Amino acid sequence: MKSKLNLIIDALLLLCLSAIAGIGFLIKHVLVAGFRRWEIYGRNVELLFWGMDRHEWGTVHYIIAWVLLGLLVLHVVLHWKMIAGTYRRLIPGRALRYTIAIVLAGLVILFLIFPLLVTPDVREHGRGMGRHHRETPVRQIQRH
């Protein structure tokens, strides 16, 4: 029974990871940001895939990432004895094991709370000006 559960969790982890990567590629290369739409299509068009824009796909990406994290925690819990045994065997010194574990735990916590600790730079843009807006000189109208 435990082997079946592990196989199911591992298969779901693989599917979630593949979905996260695929949606990331979709957002980056197909449902491109506003400035790229101008470069590719010559105008500001709305890009959709299955009726959703890049921001809606970003929400799907985010939800699947949480599912992946939950499955990963479950995976580690189910394999904890094996992980701990292998860790003890590969790193013989008790002090070194604790040091590595503390550093690893600290990095995991830092990576998870990092987005809550940063403040974005806020820059004003004129109306209709996006992130990569390039000023184009206004042509003088000549009167005859």
Protein backbone atom coordinates (compact mmCIF):
# COMPACT_ATOMS: atom_id res chain seq x y z
CA MET A 1 0.00 0.00 0.00
CA LYS A 2 2.80 2.45 0.90
CA SER A 3 4.54 1.71 -2.41
CA LYS A 4 1.38 2.55 -4.35
CA LEU A 5 0.95 5.78 -2.40
CA ASN A 6 4.59 6.74 -3.06
CA LEU A 7 4.17 6.01 -6.76
CA ILE A 8 1.01 8.13 -6.94
CA ILE A 9 2.66 11.03 -5.08
CA ASP A 10 5.77 10.81 -7.27
CA ALA A 11 3.63 10.78 -10.44
CA LEU A 12 1.67 13.82 -9.18
CA LEU A 13 4.94 15.60 -8.36
CA LEU A 14 6.18 14.96 -11.89
CA LEU A 15 2.91 16.21 -13.40
CA CYS A 16 2.91 19.35 -11.25
CA LEU A 17 6.54 20.10 -12.06
CA SER A 18 5.88 19.59 -15.77
CA ALA A 19 2.78 21.80 -15.62
CA ILE A 20 4.67 24.57 -13.81
CA ALA A 21 7.47 24.47 -16.39
CA GLY A 22 5.05 24.31 -19.32
CA ILE A 23 2.91 27.19 -18.05
CA GLY A 24 6.06 29.20 -17.35
CA PHE A 25 7.18 28.68 -20.96
CA LEU A 26 3.66 29.57 -22.18
CA ILE A 27 3.70 32.84 -20.24
CA LYS A 28 7.26 33.73 -21.25
CA HIS A 29 7.23 32.76 -24.93
CA VAL A 30 3.61 32.68 -26.16
CA LEU A 31 1.48 34.99 -24.01
CA VAL A 32 4.16 37.65 -24.05
CA ALA A 33 4.21 40.89 -22.07
CA GLY A 34 2.85 44.14 -23.50
CA PHE A 35 6.11 45.51 -24.90
CA ARG A 36 6.78 42.21 -26.73
CA ARG A 37 3.27 42.24 -28.21
CA TRP A 38 4.11 45.59 -29.77
CA GLU A 39 7.38 44.19 -31.15
CA ILE A 40 5.79 40.99 -32.53
CA TYR A 41 2.34 42.15 -33.69
CA GLY A 42 2.97 45.87 -34.26
CA ARG A 43 0.07 46.80 -31.99
CA ASN A 44 -1.25 46.14 -28.52
CA VAL A 45 -3.23 42.90 -28.92
CA GLU A 46 -4.76 40.64 -26.31
CA LEU A 47 -3.21 37.16 -26.28
CA LEU A 48 -5.25 34.26 -24.94
CA PHE A 49 -4.80 30.51 -24.69
CA TRP A 50 -7.90 28.47 -23.82
CA GLY A 51 -9.63 31.78 -23.09
CA MET A 52 -7.12 32.90 -20.44
CA ASP A 53 -4.49 35.66 -20.62
CA ARG A 54 -0.99 35.57 -19.14
CA HIS A 55 -2.17 36.82 -15.74
CA GLU A 56 -4.85 34.15 -15.43
CA TRP A 57 -2.28 31.50 -16.42
CA GLY A 58 -0.02 33.03 -13.76
CA THR A 59 -2.71 32.28 -11.19
CA VAL A 60 -2.92 28.66 -12.40
CA HIS A 61 0.91 28.50 -12.20
CA TYR A 62 0.77 29.79 -8.61
CA ILE A 63 -1.91 27.30 -7.52
CA ILE A 64 -0.04 24.35 -9.02
CA ALA A 65 3.13 25.54 -7.24
CA TRP A 66 1.30 25.30 -3.89
CA VAL A 67 0.04 21.81 -4.78
CA LEU A 68 3.62 20.84 -5.69
CA LEU A 69 4.92 22.15 -2.35
CA GLY A 70 2.24 20.21 -0.46
CA LEU A 71 3.07 17.01 -2.33
CA LEU A 72 6.77 17.58 -1.75
CA VAL A 73 6.23 17.91 2.01
CA LEU A 74 4.16 14.72 1.97
CA HIS A 75 6.89 12.99 -0.05
CA VAL A 76 9.56 14.01 2.48
CA VAL A 77 7.37 12.90 5.42
CA LEU A 78 6.79 9.48 3.83
CA HIS A 79 10.51 9.05 3.12
CA TRP A 80 11.83 10.60 6.34
CA LYS A 81 13.46 7.44 7.76
CA MET A 82 15.34 6.82 4.53
CA ILE A 83 16.38 10.49 4.25
CA ALA A 84 17.61 10.63 7.86
CA GLY A 85 19.48 7.32 7.55
CA THR A 86 21.20 8.33 4.33
CA TYR A 87 22.04 11.75 5.78
CA ARG A 88 23.64 10.15 8.87
CA ARG A 89 25.60 7.70 6.73
CA LEU A 90 26.91 10.31 4.26
CA ILE A 91 27.81 12.95 6.87
CA PRO A 92 29.47 11.14 9.79
CA GLY A 93 30.17 14.09 12.09
CA ARG A 94 27.28 15.07 14.35
CA ALA A 95 28.29 18.75 14.50
CA LEU A 96 28.61 18.95 10.71
CA ARG A 97 25.19 17.29 10.28
CA TYR A 98 23.57 19.85 12.57
CA THR A 99 25.35 22.74 10.86
CA ILE A 100 24.26 21.60 7.40
CA ALA A 101 20.70 20.98 8.61
CA ILE A 102 20.47 24.44 10.19
CA VAL A 103 21.88 26.18 7.10
CA LEU A 104 19.55 24.21 4.82
CA ALA A 105 16.50 24.94 7.02
CA GLY A 106 17.46 28.61 7.17
CA LEU A 107 17.75 28.84 3.38
CA VAL A 108 14.40 27.10 2.90
CA ILE A 109 12.70 29.51 5.31
CA LEU A 110 14.42 32.51 3.69
CA PHE A 111 13.35 31.44 0.19
CA LEU A 112 9.76 30.93 1.34
CA ILE A 113 9.40 34.23 3.21
CA PHE A 114 11.58 36.32 0.87
CA PRO A 115 8.60 37.68 -1.14
CA LEU A 116 7.04 38.91 2.12
CA LEU A 117 10.16 40.85 3.08
CA VAL A 118 10.81 42.87 -0.07
CA THR A 119 9.34 46.18 -1.13
CA PRO A 120 9.10 46.94 -4.85
CA ASP A 121 10.51 50.06 -6.46
CA VAL A 122 7.56 52.22 -7.45
CA ARG A 123 7.98 54.39 -10.53
CA GLU A 124 5.37 56.61 -12.09
CA HIS A 125 4.51 56.19 -15.76
CA GLY A 126 2.39 58.48 -17.83
CA ARG A 127 -0.98 57.24 -18.98
CA GLY A 128 -0.57 54.41 -21.51
CA MET A 129 3.13 54.06 -20.86
CA GLY A 130 4.26 50.55 -19.98
CA ARG A 131 7.43 49.21 -18.48
CA HIS A 132 9.40 49.31 -21.72
CA HIS A 133 7.77 52.36 -23.26
CA ARG A 134 10.09 54.23 -25.56
CA GLU A 135 9.52 57.90 -26.11
CA THR A 136 9.06 58.70 -29.76
CA PRO A 137 9.47 62.28 -30.84
CA VAL A 138 6.30 64.04 -31.94
CA ARG A 139 6.59 65.17 -35.54
CA GLN A 140 6.00 68.78 -36.29
CA ILE A 141 3.05 69.32 -38.62
CA GLN A 142 4.11 71.70 -41.34
CA ARG A 143 1.52 74.15 -42.63
CA HIS A 144 1.67 75.28 -46.23
